[in-house]
Amino acid sequence: MILLGEAIEYVKIPRKIFEPISDMVKVGLYKDEQEALKQLVHDQAEQKIDYYGKKVAEMEKKYGMDFSAFEKRIQSRVEEENFEEWDDFIIWESYVTALRYWEKFL
């Protein structure tokens, strides 16, 4: 089921898509399909958190501050814009957003 605003759309997923998960259960890697899916999502979340955490750390090192301090610096700027910093702000914000998103799965 996919929620789009107030509309609900159902998506039919062919059983064939779940065969690799069922195979992992059959060989004993997981207790059941639900446990397999939960663990696979958890593993994916850990990888994404590691990736985005490193990206955030790179930006913190580059500017010597965390994102919230950098955001305040960008927003308080009244003189001419620094386009490199503005571009980095947009990228950094996307890293922070992605990091927070994936942290919900742990």
Protein backbone atom coordinates (compact mmCIF):
# COMPACT_ATOMS: atom_id res chain seq x y z
CA MET A 1 0.00 0.00 0.00
CA ILE A 2 1.29 3.43 -0.93
CA LEU A 3 -0.15 6.61 0.61
CA LEU A 4 -0.28 9.56 -1.77
CA GLY A 5 -1.73 12.53 0.05
CA GLU A 6 -5.16 11.32 1.05
CA ALA A 7 -5.39 8.69 -1.68
CA ILE A 8 -4.43 5.07 -1.02
CA GLU A 9 -2.95 3.10 -3.85
CA TYR A 10 -2.36 -0.64 -3.63
CA VAL A 11 0.59 -2.11 -5.45
CA LYS A 12 0.57 -5.76 -6.42
CA ILE A 13 3.98 -7.36 -5.95
CA PRO A 14 4.63 -10.65 -7.72
CA ARG A 15 5.54 -13.54 -5.41
CA LYS A 16 8.67 -14.12 -7.50
CA ILE A 17 10.24 -11.01 -5.96
CA PHE A 18 10.24 -12.70 -2.54
CA GLU A 19 11.91 -15.93 -3.74
CA PRO A 20 15.44 -14.88 -2.69
CA ILE A 21 14.15 -14.11 0.80
CA SER A 22 12.31 -17.43 0.98
CA ASP A 23 15.49 -19.19 -0.14
CA MET A 24 17.45 -17.56 2.70
CA VAL A 25 14.84 -18.84 5.15
CA LYS A 26 14.96 -22.34 3.64
CA VAL A 27 18.74 -22.61 4.15
CA GLY A 28 18.36 -21.47 7.76
CA LEU A 29 19.79 -17.96 7.60
CA TYR A 30 16.58 -16.54 9.07
CA LYS A 31 13.65 -17.88 11.09
CA ASP A 32 11.03 -16.60 8.65
CA GLU A 33 10.48 -14.06 5.86
CA GLN A 34 9.53 -11.29 8.28
CA GLU A 35 12.77 -11.70 10.24
CA ALA A 36 14.73 -11.77 6.96
CA LEU A 37 13.16 -8.55 5.73
CA LYS A 38 13.67 -6.81 9.06
CA GLN A 39 17.33 -7.83 9.15
CA LEU A 40 17.94 -6.86 5.53
CA VAL A 41 16.42 -3.42 6.11
CA HIS A 42 18.45 -3.09 9.32
CA ASP A 43 21.66 -4.00 7.48
CA GLN A 44 20.88 -1.55 4.69
CA ALA A 45 20.16 1.17 7.26
CA GLU A 46 23.52 0.54 8.96
CA GLN A 47 25.34 0.87 5.64
CA LYS A 48 23.50 4.10 4.76
CA ILE A 49 24.12 5.55 8.24
CA ASP A 50 27.81 4.79 7.90
CA TYR A 51 27.94 6.40 4.45
CA TYR A 52 26.00 9.56 5.35
CA GLY A 53 27.73 9.83 8.72
CA LYS A 54 31.08 9.97 6.91
CA LYS A 55 29.76 12.60 4.50
CA VAL A 56 28.51 14.73 7.41
CA ALA A 57 31.88 14.33 9.15
CA GLU A 58 33.69 15.49 5.99
CA MET A 59 31.59 18.66 5.92
CA GLU A 60 32.12 19.24 9.65
CA LYS A 61 35.87 18.92 9.12
CA LYS A 62 35.83 21.24 6.10
CA TYR A 63 34.02 24.03 7.97
CA GLY A 64 35.06 23.30 11.56
CA MET A 65 31.47 23.25 12.84
CA ASP A 66 28.33 21.13 12.89
CA PHE A 67 25.46 21.56 10.44
CA SER A 68 23.24 23.68 12.71
CA ALA A 69 26.07 26.20 13.26
CA PHE A 70 26.77 26.28 9.52
CA GLU A 71 23.07 26.76 8.78
CA LYS A 72 22.96 29.75 11.14
CA ARG A 73 26.05 31.17 9.45
CA ILE A 74 24.45 30.86 6.01
CA GLN A 75 21.11 32.31 7.14
CA SER A 76 22.68 35.26 8.96
CA ARG A 77 24.81 36.30 5.99
CA VAL A 78 23.69 39.69 4.69
CA GLU A 79 26.56 40.60 2.42
CA GLU A 80 27.28 38.93 -0.90
CA GLU A 81 26.61 35.22 -1.24
CA ASN A 82 29.35 32.63 -1.25
CA PHE A 83 28.12 30.20 -3.88
CA GLU A 84 30.47 27.39 -2.85
CA GLU A 85 29.19 27.59 0.73
CA TRP A 86 25.59 27.76 -0.47
CA ASP A 87 26.13 24.65 -2.62
CA ASP A 88 27.78 22.89 0.33
CA PHE A 89 24.86 23.90 2.54
CA ILE A 90 22.38 22.24 0.18
CA ILE A 91 24.49 19.09 -0.06
CA TRP A 92 25.18 18.97 3.68
CA GLU A 93 21.49 19.42 4.45
CA SER A 94 20.69 16.45 2.20
CA TYR A 95 23.29 14.32 4.03
CA VAL A 96 21.80 15.24 7.41
CA THR A 97 18.26 14.54 6.16
CA ALA A 98 19.27 11.15 4.76
CA LEU A 99 21.16 10.27 7.95
CA ARG A 100 18.11 11.05 10.11
CA TYR A 101 15.85 9.07 7.76
CA TRP A 102 17.97 5.91 7.94
CA GLU A 103 18.46 6.19 11.71
CA LYS A 104 14.71 5.58 12.11
CA PHE A 105 15.21 2.00 10.91
CA LEU A 106 17.49 0.98 13.76
